[in-house]
Amino acid sequence: MSKPNYSGTYHMVEQDNMDSYLAALDINFALRKIVCLLKPTKEITHDPATGAMKIRTLTTFKNFNMDFTIGKEFTEDLGPVDGRSCQTTVSWEGDKLVCVQRGEKEGRGWTHWLEGDKLHLEMRVQGVVAKQVFKKDGTN
């Protein structure tokens, strides 16, 4: 069975528990408040044939780029997020993309999945879970 193509531009429409997630990453209070007010856009380029993926998270405050190949471990620079780096692997679990980030923080990672025109993101660190939902451009 072929995997879904995540390519597209998505705008955040829902967010839950972000402040607690950022606190678990040791992000200071003022920065957490700013981040929680942001409405990021995700631009995803995905080649299902090769597994190459680029995820651009764009905000009015700071942008974050992640380029990887599904199933291949790489060193991820999380400097724009929390000043850390980690060993990251993104793999398929069914139709979901599951990211494991090995580094200073235990249980860190995320899961992306599609439901219709919605892109779901669940972020995890040290037992804390935050969720975001994005709506694809060009959909009502």
Protein backbone atom coordinates (compact mmCIF):
# COMPACT_ATOMS: atom_id res chain seq x y z
CA MET A 1 0.00 0.00 0.00
CA SER A 2 1.35 3.42 -0.91
CA LYS A 3 2.00 6.04 1.74
CA PRO A 4 0.19 9.39 1.75
CA ASN A 5 1.83 12.42 0.21
CA TYR A 6 2.15 15.18 2.83
CA SER A 7 3.12 17.89 0.31
CA GLY A 8 1.26 21.15 0.76
CA THR A 9 0.92 24.34 2.76
CA TYR A 10 -0.94 24.10 6.05
CA HIS A 11 -2.09 26.83 8.46
CA MET A 12 -2.57 26.18 12.18
CA VAL A 13 -6.19 26.21 13.33
CA GLU A 14 -5.95 24.55 16.78
CA GLN A 15 -3.39 24.20 19.55
CA ASP A 16 -3.48 22.43 22.91
CA ASN A 17 -1.05 22.22 25.87
CA MET A 18 1.79 24.08 24.13
CA ASP A 19 2.87 26.03 27.25
CA SER A 20 3.39 22.82 29.28
CA TYR A 21 5.30 21.23 26.38
CA LEU A 22 7.62 24.24 26.08
CA ALA A 23 8.14 24.32 29.86
CA ALA A 24 9.25 20.67 29.69
CA LEU A 25 11.85 21.80 27.11
CA ASP A 26 13.10 24.42 29.63
CA ILE A 27 11.94 27.34 27.47
CA ASN A 28 11.73 30.51 29.57
CA PHE A 29 8.37 32.00 30.55
CA ALA A 30 8.49 35.05 28.25
CA LEU A 31 9.45 33.03 25.17
CA ARG A 32 6.74 30.43 25.94
CA LYS A 33 4.11 33.18 26.00
CA ILE A 34 5.28 34.49 22.61
CA VAL A 35 5.39 31.02 21.04
CA CYS A 36 1.89 30.20 22.31
CA LEU A 37 0.52 33.27 20.48
CA LEU A 38 2.06 32.29 17.13
CA LYS A 39 0.02 30.74 14.33
CA PRO A 40 2.62 28.79 12.34
CA THR A 41 2.35 27.79 8.71
CA LYS A 42 3.90 24.50 7.59
CA GLU A 43 5.20 24.10 4.06
CA ILE A 44 5.87 20.45 3.34
CA THR A 45 7.59 19.02 0.28
CA HIS A 46 7.42 15.22 0.20
CA ASP A 47 8.61 12.78 -2.44
CA PRO A 48 6.92 9.47 -1.55
CA ALA A 49 9.11 7.59 -4.06
CA THR A 50 12.41 8.50 -2.34
CA GLY A 51 11.20 9.35 1.17
CA ALA A 52 12.81 12.81 0.94
CA MET A 53 10.93 15.39 2.99
CA LYS A 54 11.32 19.07 3.80
CA ILE A 55 9.22 20.66 6.52
CA ARG A 56 9.35 24.45 6.84
CA THR A 57 7.64 25.86 9.93
CA LEU A 58 7.11 29.57 9.35
CA THR A 59 6.08 32.21 11.90
CA THR A 60 6.34 35.97 12.25
CA PHE A 61 8.88 35.35 15.05
CA LYS A 62 11.22 32.61 13.85
CA ASN A 63 11.33 29.93 11.14
CA PHE A 64 12.46 26.32 11.49
CA ASN A 65 13.59 24.05 8.64
CA MET A 66 13.84 20.27 8.76
CA ASP A 67 15.19 18.28 5.78
CA PHE A 68 15.41 14.49 6.04
CA THR A 69 14.86 11.13 4.42
CA ILE A 70 12.25 8.91 6.03
CA GLY A 71 13.88 5.98 7.82
CA LYS A 72 17.40 7.49 7.95
CA GLU A 73 18.86 8.88 11.19
CA PHE A 74 20.36 12.38 11.05
CA THR A 75 21.69 15.02 13.43
CA GLU A 76 18.99 17.62 13.92
CA ASP A 77 19.93 21.14 14.96
CA LEU A 78 17.17 22.32 17.29
CA GLY A 79 18.99 25.58 18.01
CA PRO A 80 16.09 27.71 16.76
CA VAL A 81 13.73 25.80 19.10
CA ASP A 82 15.62 25.19 22.35
CA GLY A 83 19.35 25.39 21.64
CA ARG A 84 19.91 21.64 21.55
CA SER A 85 20.79 19.07 18.91
CA CYS A 86 19.73 15.44 18.81
CA GLN A 87 19.82 12.28 16.75
CA THR A 88 16.55 12.12 14.86
CA THR A 89 14.79 9.40 12.91
CA VAL A 90 11.43 9.82 11.17
CA SER A 91 9.71 6.56 10.22
CA TRP A 92 6.35 5.33 8.98
CA GLU A 93 3.96 3.71 11.42
CA GLY A 94 1.06 2.86 9.14
CA ASP A 95 0.10 6.17 7.51
CA LYS A 96 1.62 8.25 10.33
CA LEU A 97 5.05 9.83 10.37
CA VAL A 98 6.69 9.19 13.74
CA CYS A 99 9.79 11.11 14.83
CA VAL A 100 12.12 9.97 17.61
CA GLN A 101 14.61 12.58 18.83
CA ARG A 102 17.38 11.11 21.00
CA GLY A 103 19.27 13.67 23.07
CA GLU A 104 19.18 15.49 26.41
CA LYS A 105 15.41 15.19 26.87
CA GLU A 106 13.79 11.78 27.33
CA GLY A 107 10.79 10.73 25.25
CA ARG A 108 11.17 13.57 22.77
CA GLY A 109 9.57 13.36 19.35
CA TRP A 110 6.44 13.96 17.33
CA THR A 111 3.82 12.29 15.17
CA HIS A 112 2.20 13.76 12.02
CA TRP A 113 -0.88 12.33 10.34
CA LEU A 114 -3.44 13.44 7.79
CA GLU A 115 -7.24 13.36 8.16
CA GLY A 116 -8.89 14.80 5.08
CA ASP A 117 -7.60 18.37 4.66
CA LYS A 118 -6.18 18.47 8.21
CA LEU A 119 -2.59 17.83 9.24
CA HIS A 120 -2.29 16.73 12.85
CA LEU A 121 0.88 17.14 14.92
CA GLU A 122 1.40 15.61 18.34
CA MET A 123 4.64 16.68 20.08
CA ARG A 124 6.06 14.77 23.05
CA VAL A 125 8.78 15.31 25.65
CA GLN A 126 9.21 13.78 29.11
CA GLY A 127 5.60 12.55 29.20
CA VAL A 128 4.11 15.93 28.20
CA VAL A 129 2.03 16.01 25.01
CA ALA A 130 1.04 19.07 22.97
CA LYS A 131 -1.16 18.99 19.89
CA GLN A 132 -1.59 21.22 16.86
CA VAL A 133 -3.97 20.93 13.92
CA PHE A 134 -3.31 22.57 10.55
CA LYS A 135 -5.69 23.06 7.62
CA LYS A 136 -4.39 22.61 4.08
CA ASP A 137 -4.36 25.62 1.76
CA GLY A 138 -7.02 25.63 -0.92
CA THR A 139 -9.63 23.82 1.18
CA ASN A 140 -12.78 25.23 2.72
